[in-house]
């Protein structure tokens, strides 16, 4: 009996041994330089918390241009967001959780990341819902019903800032794609970049969404290759088909205690009534290769056995592995917990 349990533990350990290495990374927007300087998005990082109706998306971006210039970043969203300044420590918290999980499976494997447009010039059908400077970001959120109207508004918006160049040729096609797919809100983020890699201040977007949403296709406005680290926190197990289809590789899946959420972002504690699931996905490749966006729901099939992590103090890095049983026992235990909570 002891030998069977030992073999099961060894098997489970091997299933969760991952070799993970990441450069500086951030989350996904598309953009361009109105001065026609070459701009690349060398890395992306995102933490997404979603409970089936509400999403919190935390972003930080690494940008590089051929010389000092301002960059216009664009991000479509399914509903009007609330935007606030993020905390770089939040990304360190999720990395700490993943590190502890991986260390429990294999101690040698570690994770490393180290002014508005005047109202009389606005085209019809464009509504500005938000406009504010947050750190290095000058943010404007608009709601659009027609791609042509959005293009016209964006041209006027940039002209007020002194830019007279033509917009990217594929921008109309991208706007049309998103508006046709009910993504009517667009975040325009004007930031300054330099010839070396610059990590922008993280931002937090909170909005309504019936799916876990992460925009990818818009990133074709940038050039070159990128590294993307995507962390998802969900109330149930995620159907990751749309994530894997775009070339991401799942590196880890486990459950975390609710106490961990407050150390990542305090508003996340309002999204979940029980211990959420955390997944880590990795992508390396060309920005031009994305055909669509991530729109993920929950798993409808049998539960995937996971490991639950308890966080006593993320600030001090004290994280313990609570449950580490053979696969069949984990499945029964998690199913039992879910049934109990439902009752």
Protein backbone atom coordinates (compact mmCIF):
# COMPACT_ATOMS: atom_id res chain seq x y z
CA UNK A 1 0.00 0.00 0.00
CA UNK A 2 2.83 2.40 0.94
CA UNK A 3 4.61 1.58 -2.31
CA UNK A 4 1.44 2.33 -4.34
CA UNK A 5 1.04 5.71 -2.67
CA UNK A 6 4.73 6.49 -3.26
CA UNK A 7 4.44 5.60 -6.94
CA UNK A 8 1.34 7.75 -7.29
CA UNK A 9 3.12 10.70 -5.68
CA UNK A 10 6.08 10.31 -8.01
CA UNK A 11 3.76 10.15 -11.03
CA UNK A 12 1.90 13.27 -9.94
CA UNK A 13 5.17 15.10 -9.31
CA UNK A 14 6.40 14.32 -12.83
CA UNK A 15 3.16 15.63 -14.28
CA UNK A 16 3.80 19.05 -12.77
CA UNK A 17 7.54 19.54 -13.39
CA UNK A 18 7.98 22.49 -15.71
CA UNK A 19 10.99 24.32 -17.04
CA UNK A 20 9.89 27.94 -17.14
CA UNK A 21 12.04 30.90 -18.14
CA UNK A 22 10.66 34.30 -19.17
CA UNK A 23 12.12 37.62 -20.24
CA UNK A 24 10.50 40.91 -19.29
CA UNK A 25 6.89 40.61 -20.32
CA UNK A 26 3.51 42.42 -20.46
CA UNK A 27 -0.11 42.14 -21.69
CA UNK A 28 -1.67 42.57 -25.04
CA UNK A 29 -2.46 45.76 -26.87
CA UNK A 30 -1.72 46.89 -30.41
CA UNK A 31 -0.12 50.16 -31.34
CA UNK A 32 1.93 52.38 -33.59
CA UNK A 33 4.04 55.52 -33.60
CA UNK A 34 2.34 58.50 -35.28
CA UNK A 35 5.87 59.64 -36.19
CA UNK A 36 6.39 56.41 -38.16
CA UNK A 37 9.21 55.17 -35.95
CA UNK A 38 9.55 51.39 -35.78
CA UNK A 39 7.96 50.18 -32.56
CA UNK A 40 8.15 46.65 -31.17
CA UNK A 41 6.44 45.07 -28.19
CA UNK A 42 9.19 42.86 -26.82
CA UNK A 43 7.16 41.41 -23.99
CA UNK A 44 3.73 41.21 -22.42
CA UNK A 45 2.43 40.28 -18.98
CA UNK A 46 -1.18 39.84 -17.92
CA UNK A 47 -3.03 38.72 -14.81
CA UNK A 48 -6.72 38.05 -15.52
CA UNK A 49 -9.27 37.36 -12.78
CA UNK A 50 -12.73 36.29 -14.01
CA UNK A 51 -15.77 34.83 -12.25
CA UNK A 52 -18.15 34.35 -15.18
CA UNK A 53 -19.51 37.91 -15.30
CA UNK A 54 -16.78 40.31 -14.17
CA UNK A 55 -13.14 40.56 -15.22
CA UNK A 56 -10.12 42.32 -13.75
CA UNK A 57 -7.29 42.60 -16.26
CA UNK A 58 -3.88 43.77 -15.04
CA UNK A 59 -1.42 44.83 -17.76
CA UNK A 60 2.18 45.91 -18.07
CA UNK A 61 3.96 46.45 -21.40
CA UNK A 62 7.57 46.44 -22.62
CA UNK A 63 8.05 48.72 -25.63
CA UNK A 64 11.04 49.61 -27.78
CA UNK A 65 11.29 52.05 -30.69
CA UNK A 66 14.02 53.07 -33.12
CA UNK A 67 14.34 56.40 -31.28
CA UNK A 68 12.53 58.46 -28.65
CA UNK A 69 8.90 58.82 -29.70
CA UNK A 70 5.34 58.73 -28.45
CA UNK A 71 3.40 55.51 -29.02
CA UNK A 72 -0.35 55.14 -29.43
CA UNK A 73 -1.58 51.85 -27.96
CA UNK A 74 -5.06 50.50 -28.69
CA UNK A 75 -7.04 47.85 -26.81
CA UNK A 76 -10.62 46.76 -27.60
CA UNK A 77 -12.91 45.68 -24.75
CA UNK A 78 -16.42 44.17 -24.57
CA UNK A 79 -17.74 46.77 -22.11
CA UNK A 80 -16.88 50.12 -20.57
CA UNK A 81 -13.90 49.69 -18.19
CA UNK A 82 -12.91 51.32 -14.96
CA UNK A 83 -9.16 52.02 -15.17
CA UNK A 84 -6.75 52.52 -12.30
CA UNK A 85 -3.04 52.45 -11.61
CA UNK A 86 -1.62 48.99 -11.01
CA UNK A 87 1.15 47.80 -8.74
CA UNK A 88 4.25 46.03 -10.03
CA UNK A 89 4.23 44.00 -6.82
CA UNK A 90 1.05 42.29 -8.03
CA UNK A 91 3.01 40.49 -10.74
CA UNK A 92 5.61 39.44 -8.19
CA UNK A 93 2.82 37.92 -6.09
CA UNK A 94 1.54 35.66 -8.86
CA UNK A 95 5.13 34.68 -9.72
CA UNK A 96 5.67 33.81 -6.06
CA UNK A 97 2.64 31.54 -6.09
CA UNK A 98 3.80 29.77 -9.26
CA UNK A 99 7.33 29.46 -7.89
CA UNK A 100 6.09 27.82 -4.70
CA UNK A 101 3.87 25.43 -6.63
CA UNK A 102 6.73 24.42 -8.93
CA UNK A 103 9.15 24.11 -6.01
CA UNK A 104 6.77 21.63 -4.38
CA UNK A 105 6.91 19.50 -7.51
CA UNK A 106 10.61 19.99 -8.20
CA UNK A 107 12.79 22.31 -6.07
CA UNK A 108 15.23 22.93 -8.95
CA UNK A 109 12.62 24.36 -11.32
CA UNK A 110 11.96 28.06 -10.84
CA UNK A 111 9.97 30.74 -12.59
CA UNK A 112 11.79 33.99 -13.36
CA UNK A 113 10.39 37.28 -14.68
CA UNK A 114 12.04 39.36 -13.36
CA UNK A 115 -5.66 66.41 -23.72
CA UNK A 116 -8.94 65.45 -25.12
CA UNK A 117 -10.73 66.27 -28.37
CA UNK A 118 -13.09 69.28 -28.18
CA UNK A 119 -16.73 68.19 -28.18
CA UNK A 120 -17.55 70.15 -31.35
CA UNK A 121 -14.95 68.19 -33.37
CA UNK A 122 -16.08 64.71 -32.35
CA UNK A 123 -17.56 62.61 -35.16
CA UNK A 124 -21.07 61.26 -34.51
CA UNK A 125 -21.50 57.86 -32.83
CA UNK A 126 -18.30 58.28 -30.81
CA UNK A 127 -18.65 58.63 -27.06
CA UNK A 128 -15.74 59.38 -24.74
CA UNK A 129 -16.36 57.48 -21.50
CA UNK A 130 -13.02 58.10 -19.77
CA UNK A 131 -10.05 60.42 -20.15
CA UNK A 132 -7.26 60.75 -17.62
CA UNK A 133 -3.48 60.77 -17.21
CA UNK A 134 -2.24 57.89 -15.03
CA UNK A 135 1.51 57.91 -14.61
CA UNK A 136 3.13 57.87 -18.07
CA UNK A 137 -0.20 56.91 -19.67
CA UNK A 138 -2.60 59.41 -21.26
CA UNK A 139 -5.74 57.28 -21.45
CA UNK A 140 -8.94 57.78 -23.41
CA UNK A 141 -11.77 55.25 -23.64
CA UNK A 142 -14.25 55.64 -26.49
CA UNK A 143 -17.35 53.75 -27.52
CA UNK A 144 -17.76 53.29 -31.28
CA UNK A 145 -20.48 51.82 -33.50
CA UNK A 146 -18.72 52.17 -36.88
CA UNK A 147 -15.08 51.58 -37.81
CA UNK A 148 -15.04 54.53 -40.21
CA UNK A 149 -16.31 56.85 -37.48
CA UNK A 150 -13.61 55.60 -35.11
CA UNK A 151 -10.90 56.14 -37.73
CA UNK A 152 -12.14 59.68 -38.33
CA UNK A 153 -12.23 60.43 -34.60
CA UNK A 154 -8.72 58.99 -34.07
CA UNK A 155 -7.31 61.16 -36.87
CA UNK A 156 -8.79 64.27 -35.23
CA UNK A 157 -7.61 63.14 -31.81
CA UNK A 158 -4.01 62.75 -33.02
CA UNK A 159 -4.11 66.01 -34.95
CA UNK A 160 -4.89 67.85 -31.70
CA UNK A 161 -1.63 66.39 -30.38
CA UNK A 162 0.33 67.55 -33.41
CA UNK A 163 0.37 64.35 -35.51
CA UNK A 164 -0.53 64.51 -39.21
CA UNK A 165 0.71 61.13 -40.52
CA UNK A 166 -1.64 58.55 -42.00
CA UNK A 167 -2.87 55.80 -39.71
CA UNK A 168 -1.77 52.17 -40.27
CA UNK A 169 -3.42 50.68 -43.35
CA UNK A 170 -4.89 47.68 -41.49
CA UNK A 171 -6.47 49.73 -38.72
CA UNK A 172 -9.86 49.94 -40.46
CA UNK A 173 -9.95 46.14 -40.87
CA UNK A 174 -9.05 45.61 -37.20
CA UNK A 175 -11.64 48.09 -35.95
CA UNK A 176 -14.29 46.48 -38.17
CA UNK A 177 -13.41 43.02 -36.84
CA UNK A 178 -13.82 44.08 -33.23
CA UNK A 179 -16.98 46.14 -33.69
CA UNK A 180 -18.62 43.30 -35.64
CA UNK A 181 -17.77 41.02 -32.70
CA UNK A 182 -19.45 43.38 -30.20
CA UNK A 183 -16.19 44.86 -28.90
CA UNK A 184 -17.35 48.48 -29.00
CA UNK A 185 -15.08 50.04 -26.39
CA UNK A 186 -11.52 51.04 -27.27
CA UNK A 187 -8.78 52.19 -24.92
CA UNK A 188 -6.34 54.65 -26.53
CA UNK A 189 -3.15 54.92 -24.50
CA UNK A 190 -0.54 57.52 -25.51
CA UNK A 191 2.85 56.92 -23.91
CA UNK A 192 6.45 57.93 -24.60
CA UNK A 193 8.99 55.26 -25.43
CA UNK A 194 12.75 55.26 -26.04
CA UNK A 195 15.24 53.18 -28.02
CA UNK A 196 15.88 50.88 -25.08
CA UNK A 197 13.22 48.55 -23.70
CA UNK A 198 10.84 50.43 -21.43
CA UNK A 199 8.41 48.74 -19.05
CA UNK A 200 5.32 50.90 -18.70
CA UNK A 201 3.49 51.40 -15.44
CA UNK A 202 0.92 48.61 -15.00
CA UNK A 203 -2.76 49.41 -15.37
CA UNK A 204 -5.84 47.63 -14.02
CA UNK A 205 -8.98 47.35 -16.15
CA UNK A 206 -12.27 46.22 -14.59
CA UNK A 207 -15.21 45.44 -16.86
CA UNK A 208 -18.17 43.16 -17.47
CA UNK A 209 -17.58 40.11 -19.67
CA UNK A 210 -19.45 36.84 -20.22
CA UNK A 211 -16.13 35.21 -21.22
CA UNK A 212 -12.58 35.47 -19.97
CA UNK A 213 -11.29 37.97 -22.52
CA UNK A 214 -7.77 38.81 -23.67
CA UNK A 215 -7.18 40.71 -26.96
CA UNK A 216 -4.53 39.29 -29.30
CA UNK A 217 -5.40 40.17 -32.89
CA UNK A 218 -4.96 43.91 -32.25
CA UNK A 219 -1.27 43.26 -31.46
CA UNK A 220 -0.57 42.83 -35.20
CA UNK A 221 -0.14 46.63 -35.23
CA UNK A 222 3.23 46.01 -33.56
CA UNK A 223 6.10 44.23 -35.27
CA UNK A 224 8.51 41.45 -34.34
CA UNK A 225 8.44 38.63 -31.81
CA UNK A 226 7.24 38.73 -28.24
CA UNK A 227 7.10 36.74 -25.02
CA UNK A 228 3.73 36.59 -23.27
CA UNK A 229 3.12 35.38 -19.74
CA UNK A 230 -0.58 34.97 -19.03
CA UNK A 231 -1.87 34.21 -15.52
CA UNK A 232 -5.57 33.41 -15.14
CA UNK A 233 -7.52 33.31 -11.86
CA UNK A 234 -11.02 31.87 -12.23
CA UNK A 235 -13.85 30.67 -10.01
CA UNK A 236 -13.97 27.31 -11.83
CA UNK A 237 -11.69 25.34 -14.12
CA UNK A 238 -11.08 27.13 -17.39
CA UNK A 239 -11.76 25.76 -20.87
CA UNK A 240 -8.43 26.79 -22.37
CA UNK A 241 -9.07 25.70 -25.98
CA UNK A 242 -8.98 29.27 -27.31
CA UNK A 243 -5.72 29.90 -25.43
CA UNK A 244 -3.95 26.77 -26.68
CA UNK A 245 -5.24 27.38 -30.21
CA UNK A 246 -3.31 30.67 -30.37
CA UNK A 247 -0.04 28.93 -29.54
CA UNK A 248 0.10 29.23 -25.74
CA UNK A 249 1.47 26.39 -23.63
CA UNK A 250 -0.04 25.68 -20.21
CA UNK A 251 2.75 25.51 -17.63
CA UNK A 252 0.81 25.12 -14.38
CA UNK A 253 -2.65 24.76 -12.87
CA UNK A 254 -3.48 24.75 -9.16
CA UNK A 255 -5.85 26.27 -6.62
CA UNK A 256 -4.97 29.14 -4.32
CA UNK A 257 -6.50 30.23 -1.05
CA UNK A 258 -8.69 33.33 -1.06
CA UNK A 259 -6.22 35.04 1.26
CA UNK A 260 -3.79 35.27 -1.68
CA UNK A 261 -6.13 37.46 -3.73
CA UNK A 262 -5.83 40.51 -1.50
CA UNK A 263 -2.06 40.45 -1.95
CA UNK A 264 -2.44 40.45 -5.73
CA UNK A 265 -5.28 43.00 -6.02
CA UNK A 266 -7.80 43.88 -3.30
CA UNK A 267 -10.71 44.13 -5.75
CA UNK A 268 -10.18 40.49 -6.73
CA UNK A 269 -11.47 39.41 -3.33
CA UNK A 270 -14.94 40.58 -4.41
CA UNK A 271 -14.98 38.24 -7.43
CA UNK A 272 -14.70 34.87 -5.68
CA UNK A 273 -16.61 33.16 -2.87
CA UNK A 274 -14.34 30.08 -2.75
CA UNK A 275 -10.74 29.17 -3.54
CA UNK A 276 -10.09 30.10 -7.19
CA UNK A 277 -8.06 28.28 -9.82
CA UNK A 278 -4.81 29.74 -11.11
CA UNK A 279 -3.24 28.81 -14.47
CA UNK A 280 -0.01 29.96 -16.05
CA UNK A 281 0.32 30.07 -19.85
CA UNK A 282 3.37 30.93 -21.93
CA UNK A 283 3.72 32.15 -25.53
CA UNK A 284 6.79 32.92 -27.63
CA UNK A 285 6.44 33.93 -31.25
CA UNK A 286 5.48 36.55 -33.82
CA UNK A 287 2.89 39.19 -33.04
CA UNK A 288 1.58 38.95 -36.59
CA UNK A 289 0.56 35.32 -36.10
CA UNK A 290 -2.56 35.82 -33.97
CA UNK A 291 -5.81 35.09 -35.83
CA UNK A 292 -8.23 35.90 -33.04
CA UNK A 293 -8.57 36.75 -29.37
CA UNK A 294 -8.89 34.68 -26.23
CA UNK A 295 -12.55 34.15 -25.28
CA UNK A 296 -12.67 31.34 -22.73
CA UNK A 297 -15.47 29.86 -20.64
CA UNK A 298 -15.49 27.22 -17.92
CA UNK A 299 -14.86 23.50 -18.34
CA UNK A 300 -18.03 21.51 -18.95
CA UNK A 301 -16.42 18.07 -18.58
CA UNK A 302 -14.91 16.18 -15.62
CA UNK A 303 -12.86 18.14 -13.14
CA UNK A 304 -9.09 18.17 -13.61
CA UNK A 305 -7.28 17.23 -10.36
CA UNK A 306 -5.37 20.18 -8.93
CA UNK A 307 -3.27 21.06 -5.92
CA UNK A 308 -4.43 23.65 -3.39
CA UNK A 309 -1.93 26.24 -2.15
CA UNK A 310 -2.37 28.01 1.19
CA UNK A 311 -0.84 31.47 1.51
CA UNK A 312 0.03 32.51 5.05
CA UNK A 313 2.08 35.56 4.09
CA UNK A 314 2.86 36.34 0.51
CA UNK A 315 4.90 39.34 1.61
CA UNK A 316 7.39 37.08 3.37
CA UNK A 317 7.10 34.38 0.74
CA UNK A 318 5.73 31.76 3.17
CA UNK A 319 3.61 29.49 0.99
CA UNK A 320 2.80 25.87 1.90
CA UNK A 321 1.48 22.93 -0.09
CA UNK A 322 -1.68 21.68 1.67
CA UNK A 323 -2.92 18.87 -0.53
CA UNK A 324 -0.67 16.49 -2.42
CA UNK A 325 -2.49 13.17 -2.77
CA UNK A 326 -2.70 10.56 -5.55
CA UNK A 327 -4.71 11.77 -8.54
CA UNK A 328 -7.90 9.82 -7.83
CA UNK A 329 -8.05 11.01 -4.22
CA UNK A 330 -7.54 14.65 -5.21
CA UNK A 331 -10.41 14.37 -7.65
CA UNK A 332 -12.74 12.98 -4.96
CA UNK A 333 -11.60 15.56 -2.42
CA UNK A 334 -12.13 18.54 -4.73
CA UNK A 335 -15.49 17.19 -5.87
CA UNK A 336 -16.51 16.77 -2.26
CA UNK A 337 -15.50 20.33 -1.40
CA UNK A 338 -17.46 21.73 -4.34
CA UNK A 339 -20.56 19.71 -3.40
CA UNK A 340 -20.30 20.88 0.21
CA UNK A 341 -19.94 24.52 -0.79
CA UNK A 342 -22.90 24.25 -3.14
CA UNK A 343 -25.03 22.94 -0.33
